[in-house]
N, C-alpha and C. Protein backbone atom coordinates (compact mmCIF):
# COMPACT_ATOMS: atom_id res chain seq x y z
N MET A 1 -1.96 25.80 -143.30
CA MET A 1 -3.23 25.11 -143.19
C MET A 1 -3.38 24.71 -141.98
N GLU A 2 -4.74 24.97 -141.31
CA GLU A 2 -4.86 24.47 -140.03
C GLU A 2 -6.15 23.69 -139.94
N PHE A 3 -5.99 22.36 -139.34
CA PHE A 3 -7.23 21.52 -139.33
C PHE A 3 -7.92 21.70 -138.08
N HIS A 4 -9.38 21.51 -137.79
CA HIS A 4 -9.81 21.77 -136.60
C HIS A 4 -10.41 20.78 -136.13
N ARG A 5 -11.10 19.86 -136.78
CA ARG A 5 -11.69 18.74 -136.50
C ARG A 5 -12.26 17.73 -137.38
N ILE A 6 -12.75 16.57 -137.26
CA ILE A 6 -13.52 15.73 -138.08
C ILE A 6 -14.98 16.18 -138.11
N GLN A 7 -15.51 16.58 -139.15
CA GLN A 7 -16.85 17.26 -139.31
C GLN A 7 -17.70 16.25 -139.25
N HIS A 8 -17.48 15.14 -140.17
CA HIS A 8 -18.62 13.86 -140.30
C HIS A 8 -17.88 12.79 -140.82
N VAL A 9 -18.52 11.70 -140.48
CA VAL A 9 -18.11 10.21 -141.06
C VAL A 9 -19.15 9.79 -141.85
N SER A 10 -18.65 9.29 -143.02
CA SER A 10 -19.70 8.42 -143.90
C SER A 10 -19.75 7.21 -143.87
N ILE A 11 -20.66 6.33 -143.87
CA ILE A 11 -20.55 4.75 -143.99
C ILE A 11 -21.58 4.35 -144.97
N PRO A 12 -21.53 2.97 -145.40
CA PRO A 12 -22.43 2.64 -146.51
C PRO A 12 -23.53 1.87 -145.84
N ARG A 13 -24.47 1.67 -146.56
CA ARG A 13 -25.72 0.61 -146.14
C ARG A 13 -26.02 0.08 -147.48
N PRO A 14 -26.77 -1.07 -147.68
CA PRO A 14 -27.19 -1.51 -148.91
C PRO A 14 -28.50 -0.35 -149.25
N PRO A 15 -28.66 -0.46 -150.67
CA PRO A 15 -29.89 0.38 -151.08
C PRO A 15 -31.33 -0.49 -150.41
N GLY A 16 -32.26 0.20 -150.06
CA GLY A 16 -33.40 -0.10 -149.65
C GLY A 16 -33.68 -0.45 -148.04
N SER A 17 -32.41 -0.05 -147.48
CA SER A 17 -32.29 -0.48 -146.06
C SER A 17 -32.51 0.63 -144.97
N ASP A 18 -33.23 1.63 -145.55
CA ASP A 18 -33.55 2.62 -144.81
C ASP A 18 -34.24 2.50 -143.28
N GLU A 19 -35.26 1.74 -143.40
CA GLU A 19 -35.77 1.15 -142.02
C GLU A 19 -34.90 0.50 -140.98
N GLU A 20 -33.90 -0.35 -141.49
CA GLU A 20 -33.09 -0.87 -140.69
C GLU A 20 -32.02 -0.02 -140.20
N ALA A 21 -31.47 1.07 -141.00
CA ALA A 21 -30.62 1.94 -140.75
C ALA A 21 -31.03 2.92 -139.40
N ARG A 22 -32.46 3.10 -139.76
CA ARG A 22 -33.15 4.06 -138.76
C ARG A 22 -33.44 3.31 -137.39
N ALA A 23 -33.74 2.05 -137.46
CA ALA A 23 -34.03 1.30 -136.30
C ALA A 23 -32.59 1.18 -135.53
N PHE A 24 -31.51 0.81 -136.26
CA PHE A 24 -30.31 0.98 -135.28
C PHE A 24 -29.74 1.96 -134.90
N TYR A 25 -29.56 2.90 -135.79
CA TYR A 25 -29.22 4.44 -135.27
C TYR A 25 -29.83 5.37 -134.51
N GLY A 26 -31.32 5.42 -134.99
CA GLY A 26 -32.21 6.18 -134.24
C GLY A 26 -32.79 5.50 -133.30
N GLU A 27 -33.20 4.40 -133.19
CA GLU A 27 -33.90 3.83 -132.12
C GLU A 27 -32.94 3.13 -131.10
N VAL A 28 -31.98 2.10 -131.57
CA VAL A 28 -31.28 1.29 -130.64
C VAL A 28 -30.01 2.28 -130.02
N LEU A 29 -29.64 3.13 -130.89
CA LEU A 29 -28.57 4.07 -130.32
C LEU A 29 -29.03 5.48 -129.82
N GLY A 30 -30.24 5.69 -130.47
CA GLY A 30 -30.67 6.99 -130.09
C GLY A 30 -30.23 8.26 -130.78
N LEU A 31 -29.44 8.18 -131.70
CA LEU A 31 -28.99 9.40 -132.42
C LEU A 31 -30.16 10.21 -133.14
N GLU A 32 -30.02 11.67 -133.08
CA GLU A 32 -30.93 12.54 -133.62
C GLU A 32 -30.65 12.59 -135.07
N GLU A 33 -31.78 12.10 -135.86
CA GLU A 33 -31.73 12.13 -137.42
C GLU A 33 -31.87 13.75 -137.65
N VAL A 34 -31.18 14.02 -138.82
CA VAL A 34 -31.16 15.42 -139.36
C VAL A 34 -31.41 15.27 -141.04
N PRO A 35 -32.08 16.20 -141.32
CA PRO A 35 -32.27 16.27 -143.04
C PRO A 35 -30.88 16.44 -143.82
N PRO A 36 -30.80 15.85 -144.66
CA PRO A 36 -29.33 16.12 -145.44
C PRO A 36 -29.85 17.21 -146.34
N PRO A 37 -29.16 18.04 -146.80
CA PRO A 37 -29.36 19.23 -147.62
C PRO A 37 -30.14 18.98 -148.87
N GLN A 38 -30.98 19.65 -149.31
CA GLN A 38 -31.85 19.47 -150.23
C GLN A 38 -31.18 19.15 -151.65
N SER A 39 -30.05 19.66 -151.76
CA SER A 39 -29.18 19.53 -153.08
C SER A 39 -28.35 18.09 -152.97
N LEU A 40 -28.89 17.35 -152.08
CA LEU A 40 -28.25 16.22 -151.95
C LEU A 40 -29.43 14.92 -152.02
N HIS A 41 -30.63 15.52 -152.12
CA HIS A 41 -31.79 14.64 -152.26
C HIS A 41 -31.80 13.30 -152.96
N GLU A 42 -31.34 13.36 -154.05
CA GLU A 42 -31.43 12.26 -154.88
C GLU A 42 -30.31 11.15 -154.49
N GLN A 43 -29.57 11.43 -153.51
CA GLN A 43 -28.48 10.51 -153.30
C GLN A 43 -28.61 9.50 -152.16
N ASP A 44 -29.87 9.45 -151.69
CA ASP A 44 -30.43 8.41 -150.85
C ASP A 44 -29.48 8.41 -149.59
N LEU A 45 -29.46 9.62 -148.85
CA LEU A 45 -28.72 9.49 -147.43
C LEU A 45 -29.60 9.62 -146.43
N ILE A 46 -29.03 9.19 -145.28
CA ILE A 46 -29.54 9.36 -143.99
C ILE A 46 -28.44 9.97 -143.26
N TRP A 47 -28.78 11.06 -142.22
CA TRP A 47 -27.76 11.76 -141.77
C TRP A 47 -28.33 11.73 -140.11
N TYR A 48 -27.40 11.80 -139.49
CA TYR A 48 -27.46 11.88 -137.88
C TYR A 48 -26.67 12.79 -137.13
N ARG A 49 -27.17 13.55 -136.08
CA ARG A 49 -26.37 14.29 -135.50
C ARG A 49 -25.73 13.54 -134.13
N VAL A 50 -24.33 13.71 -134.11
CA VAL A 50 -23.59 12.74 -132.95
C VAL A 50 -22.79 13.90 -132.11
N GLY A 51 -23.35 14.63 -131.29
CA GLY A 51 -22.90 15.95 -130.69
C GLY A 51 -22.75 17.08 -131.43
N ASP A 52 -21.52 17.50 -131.74
CA ASP A 52 -21.56 18.61 -132.88
C ASP A 52 -21.04 17.97 -134.06
N LEU A 53 -20.82 16.85 -134.26
CA LEU A 53 -20.54 16.14 -135.55
C LEU A 53 -21.66 15.60 -136.20
N GLU A 54 -21.49 14.84 -137.31
CA GLU A 54 -22.61 14.26 -138.21
C GLU A 54 -21.98 12.94 -138.59
N LEU A 55 -22.94 12.05 -138.92
CA LEU A 55 -22.63 10.64 -139.39
C LEU A 55 -23.63 10.59 -140.62
N HIS A 56 -23.15 10.42 -141.71
CA HIS A 56 -23.81 10.29 -143.12
C HIS A 56 -23.80 8.67 -143.24
N ILE A 57 -24.94 8.35 -143.76
CA ILE A 57 -24.96 6.99 -144.31
C ILE A 57 -25.52 6.96 -145.57
N PHE A 58 -24.96 6.47 -146.54
CA PHE A 58 -25.13 6.32 -147.86
C PHE A 58 -25.46 4.92 -148.24
N ALA A 59 -26.14 4.94 -149.52
CA ALA A 59 -26.56 3.57 -149.92
C ALA A 59 -25.77 3.28 -151.10
N GLU A 60 -25.20 2.11 -150.93
CA GLU A 60 -24.56 1.54 -151.96
C GLU A 60 -24.30 -0.17 -152.00
N ASP A 61 -24.30 -0.62 -153.00
CA ASP A 61 -24.19 -2.20 -153.00
C ASP A 61 -23.02 -2.83 -152.06
N PRO A 62 -23.59 -3.74 -151.40
CA PRO A 62 -22.41 -4.29 -150.28
C PRO A 62 -21.17 -4.64 -150.91
N VAL A 63 -20.01 -4.56 -150.21
CA VAL A 63 -18.73 -5.06 -150.68
C VAL A 63 -18.10 -5.88 -149.48
N GLN A 64 -17.66 -7.02 -149.75
CA GLN A 64 -16.88 -7.88 -148.82
C GLN A 64 -15.70 -7.16 -148.29
N ASP A 65 -15.58 -6.79 -147.05
CA ASP A 65 -14.35 -6.03 -146.35
C ASP A 65 -14.25 -6.64 -145.01
N SER A 66 -12.86 -6.95 -144.97
CA SER A 66 -12.51 -7.38 -143.77
C SER A 66 -11.32 -6.69 -143.08
N SER A 67 -11.29 -5.65 -143.31
CA SER A 67 -10.28 -4.48 -142.72
C SER A 67 -10.54 -4.15 -141.25
N GLY A 68 -9.81 -3.42 -140.59
CA GLY A 68 -9.96 -3.06 -139.36
C GLY A 68 -10.70 -1.54 -139.34
N ARG A 69 -11.05 -1.20 -140.44
CA ARG A 69 -11.92 0.20 -140.59
C ARG A 69 -12.97 0.52 -139.49
N HIS A 70 -13.08 1.38 -138.91
CA HIS A 70 -14.37 1.65 -138.07
C HIS A 70 -14.23 3.18 -137.86
N PHE A 71 -15.45 3.65 -137.08
CA PHE A 71 -15.46 4.70 -136.64
C PHE A 71 -15.69 4.48 -134.84
N CYS A 72 -15.54 5.56 -134.13
CA CYS A 72 -15.61 5.40 -132.66
C CYS A 72 -16.79 6.40 -132.21
N LEU A 73 -17.63 6.09 -131.38
CA LEU A 73 -18.35 6.94 -130.55
C LEU A 73 -18.02 6.89 -128.83
N GLU A 74 -17.80 8.14 -128.77
CA GLU A 74 -17.60 8.43 -127.23
C GLU A 74 -18.94 8.38 -126.51
N VAL A 75 -19.21 7.59 -125.36
CA VAL A 75 -20.44 7.55 -124.81
C VAL A 75 -20.29 7.94 -123.38
N ASP A 76 -21.33 8.32 -122.68
CA ASP A 76 -21.15 8.42 -121.20
C ASP A 76 -20.90 7.20 -120.36
N ASP A 77 -21.50 6.09 -120.92
CA ASP A 77 -21.26 4.97 -120.05
C ASP A 77 -21.31 3.86 -121.11
N VAL A 78 -19.98 3.20 -121.38
CA VAL A 78 -20.00 2.12 -122.36
C VAL A 78 -20.72 0.77 -122.01
N GLU A 79 -20.61 0.55 -120.72
CA GLU A 79 -21.30 -0.54 -120.18
C GLU A 79 -22.99 -0.54 -120.50
N VAL A 80 -23.36 0.57 -120.40
CA VAL A 80 -24.89 0.83 -120.73
C VAL A 80 -25.16 0.53 -122.30
N VAL A 81 -24.31 1.08 -122.83
CA VAL A 81 -24.59 1.05 -124.51
C VAL A 81 -24.33 -0.53 -124.68
N ARG A 82 -23.31 -1.22 -124.24
CA ARG A 82 -23.09 -2.40 -124.51
C ARG A 82 -24.37 -3.51 -124.18
N ALA A 83 -24.93 -3.06 -123.08
CA ALA A 83 -26.10 -3.74 -122.49
C ALA A 83 -27.30 -3.72 -123.66
N ARG A 84 -27.59 -2.23 -123.89
CA ARG A 84 -28.42 -2.08 -124.81
C ARG A 84 -28.44 -2.58 -126.33
N LEU A 85 -27.08 -2.62 -126.63
CA LEU A 85 -27.07 -3.24 -127.97
C LEU A 85 -27.12 -5.01 -127.98
N ALA A 86 -26.69 -5.50 -126.73
CA ALA A 86 -26.93 -7.15 -126.64
C ALA A 86 -28.36 -7.20 -126.56
N GLN A 87 -29.16 -6.58 -125.56
CA GLN A 87 -30.56 -6.61 -125.55
C GLN A 87 -31.22 -6.53 -127.00
N ALA A 88 -30.77 -5.63 -127.72
CA ALA A 88 -31.50 -5.53 -129.16
C ALA A 88 -30.89 -6.57 -129.94
N GLY A 89 -30.03 -7.50 -129.67
CA GLY A 89 -29.85 -8.74 -130.63
C GLY A 89 -28.82 -8.60 -131.26
N TYR A 90 -27.73 -7.58 -130.69
CA TYR A 90 -26.40 -7.05 -131.49
C TYR A 90 -25.40 -7.81 -130.73
N SER A 91 -24.21 -8.28 -130.94
CA SER A 91 -23.13 -8.88 -130.34
C SER A 91 -21.77 -7.80 -130.18
N PRO A 92 -21.85 -7.29 -129.03
CA PRO A 92 -20.59 -6.78 -128.77
C PRO A 92 -19.41 -7.55 -128.50
N LYS A 93 -18.26 -7.09 -129.01
CA LYS A 93 -17.08 -7.81 -128.91
C LYS A 93 -16.23 -7.08 -128.36
N SER A 94 -15.47 -7.64 -127.17
CA SER A 94 -14.37 -7.10 -126.50
C SER A 94 -13.04 -6.59 -127.30
N ALA A 95 -12.38 -5.72 -126.75
CA ALA A 95 -11.27 -5.17 -127.48
C ALA A 95 -10.20 -5.02 -126.51
N VAL A 96 -8.84 -5.00 -127.15
CA VAL A 96 -7.91 -4.88 -126.40
C VAL A 96 -7.69 -3.50 -125.42
N PRO A 97 -7.71 -3.79 -123.99
CA PRO A 97 -7.94 -2.55 -123.27
C PRO A 97 -6.77 -1.50 -123.63
N ILE A 98 -7.28 -0.39 -123.51
CA ILE A 98 -6.54 1.19 -123.52
C ILE A 98 -6.77 1.73 -122.12
N PRO A 99 -5.63 1.98 -121.33
CA PRO A 99 -5.89 2.69 -120.02
C PRO A 99 -6.83 3.89 -120.01
N THR A 100 -7.53 3.78 -119.12
CA THR A 100 -8.68 4.95 -119.00
C THR A 100 -9.75 5.03 -120.03
N ARG A 101 -9.51 4.01 -121.06
CA ARG A 101 -10.84 4.01 -121.97
C ARG A 101 -11.14 2.76 -122.33
N PRO A 102 -12.45 2.42 -121.36
CA PRO A 102 -12.98 1.06 -121.40
C PRO A 102 -13.68 1.05 -122.85
N ARG A 103 -13.74 0.12 -123.65
CA ARG A 103 -14.09 0.02 -124.90
C ARG A 103 -14.55 -1.38 -125.50
N PHE A 104 -15.60 -1.29 -126.45
CA PHE A 104 -15.74 -2.54 -127.24
C PHE A 104 -16.23 -2.19 -128.62
N PHE A 105 -16.29 -3.25 -129.48
CA PHE A 105 -16.73 -3.04 -130.92
C PHE A 105 -18.01 -3.69 -131.07
N CYS A 106 -18.79 -3.47 -132.17
CA CYS A 106 -20.10 -3.96 -132.50
C CYS A 106 -20.24 -3.62 -134.02
N GLN A 107 -20.92 -4.46 -134.55
CA GLN A 107 -21.07 -4.31 -136.17
C GLN A 107 -22.54 -3.72 -136.20
N ASP A 108 -22.90 -2.94 -137.00
CA ASP A 108 -24.10 -2.22 -137.45
C ASP A 108 -24.75 -3.41 -138.38
N PRO A 109 -26.13 -3.46 -138.69
CA PRO A 109 -26.64 -4.30 -139.14
C PRO A 109 -26.16 -4.67 -140.73
N PHE A 110 -24.93 -3.76 -141.26
CA PHE A 110 -24.67 -3.69 -142.55
C PHE A 110 -23.13 -4.21 -142.50
N GLY A 111 -22.71 -4.57 -141.35
CA GLY A 111 -21.44 -4.97 -141.33
C GLY A 111 -20.27 -3.85 -141.05
N ASN A 112 -20.78 -2.56 -140.64
CA ASN A 112 -19.85 -1.59 -140.51
C ASN A 112 -19.42 -1.65 -139.08
N ARG A 113 -18.05 -1.54 -138.75
CA ARG A 113 -17.61 -1.84 -137.36
C ARG A 113 -17.57 -0.29 -136.54
N ILE A 114 -18.20 -0.39 -135.45
CA ILE A 114 -18.10 0.57 -134.70
C ILE A 114 -17.79 0.55 -133.15
N GLU A 115 -16.66 1.29 -132.86
CA GLU A 115 -16.29 1.13 -131.59
C GLU A 115 -16.91 2.04 -130.60
N PHE A 116 -17.24 1.79 -129.38
CA PHE A 116 -17.74 2.66 -128.45
C PHE A 116 -16.73 2.51 -127.17
N THR A 117 -16.54 3.76 -126.71
CA THR A 117 -15.71 3.97 -125.61
C THR A 117 -16.16 5.12 -124.73
N THR A 118 -15.62 5.32 -123.44
CA THR A 118 -15.89 6.17 -122.50
C THR A 118 -14.41 6.58 -122.29
N ILE A 119 -14.33 7.88 -122.35
CA ILE A 119 -12.88 8.51 -121.99
C ILE A 119 -12.86 9.10 -120.57
N LEU A 120 -12.13 8.32 -119.74
CA LEU A 120 -12.00 8.59 -118.25
C LEU A 120 -10.62 9.48 -117.81
N GLY A 121 -9.72 9.48 -118.94
CA GLY A 121 -8.74 10.25 -118.48
C GLY A 121 -7.62 10.02 -119.73
N ASP A 122 -6.51 10.55 -119.45
CA ASP A 122 -5.50 10.65 -120.70
C ASP A 122 -4.70 9.45 -120.39
N TYR A 123 -5.00 8.50 -121.42
CA TYR A 123 -3.95 7.02 -121.35
C TYR A 123 -2.49 7.44 -121.16
N ARG A 124 -2.15 8.45 -121.60
CA ARG A 124 -0.59 8.46 -121.70
C ARG A 124 0.17 9.03 -120.43
N GLU A 125 -0.81 9.59 -119.22
CA GLU A 125 -0.69 9.87 -117.95
C GLU A 125 -0.55 8.35 -117.28
N VAL A 126 -1.26 7.37 -117.53
CA VAL A 126 -1.31 6.15 -116.96
C VAL A 126 -0.06 5.57 -117.50
N GLU A 127 0.30 5.45 -118.87
CA GLU A 127 1.41 4.81 -119.20
C GLU A 127 2.68 5.41 -118.47
N VAL A 128 2.84 6.66 -118.46
CA VAL A 128 4.11 7.15 -118.02
C VAL A 128 4.12 6.75 -116.30
N GLN A 129 2.98 6.59 -115.50
CA GLN A 129 3.11 6.06 -114.23
C GLN A 129 3.51 4.88 -114.27
N GLN A 130 3.01 3.86 -115.23
CA GLN A 130 3.50 2.43 -115.14
C GLN A 130 4.93 2.16 -115.62
N THR A 131 5.58 3.04 -116.34
CA THR A 131 6.88 3.06 -116.53
C THR A 131 7.78 3.67 -115.42
N ALA A 132 7.20 4.36 -114.62
CA ALA A 132 8.14 5.17 -113.63
C ALA A 132 8.51 4.21 -112.49
């Protein structure tokens, strides 16, 4: 068996929150919305393209969750995204640094944690240099 990549990530949103989801993911983040397959029409889904991957947002009643679960979006300039989110009224939070990966976390309007990062190099190379 051979795994190739993660094809999509699915996250929840409350029923009836279509406009709020589209405002955050489509307008604030600028992701391209794509129609889900007709066979899934009754499932109240919103899909976005993220590079060659997909983000699926499904409707479900909210559940209290304080785990560290999240997904990460790689962006060209993490500071531009941080400023854009802050300007839109969201609260980016700093994260423990990873060498060559500036990053931060933010919650979407539904409490889903999203990490944003820019990959500047291989962190393992920096760690090897630091221990040498």
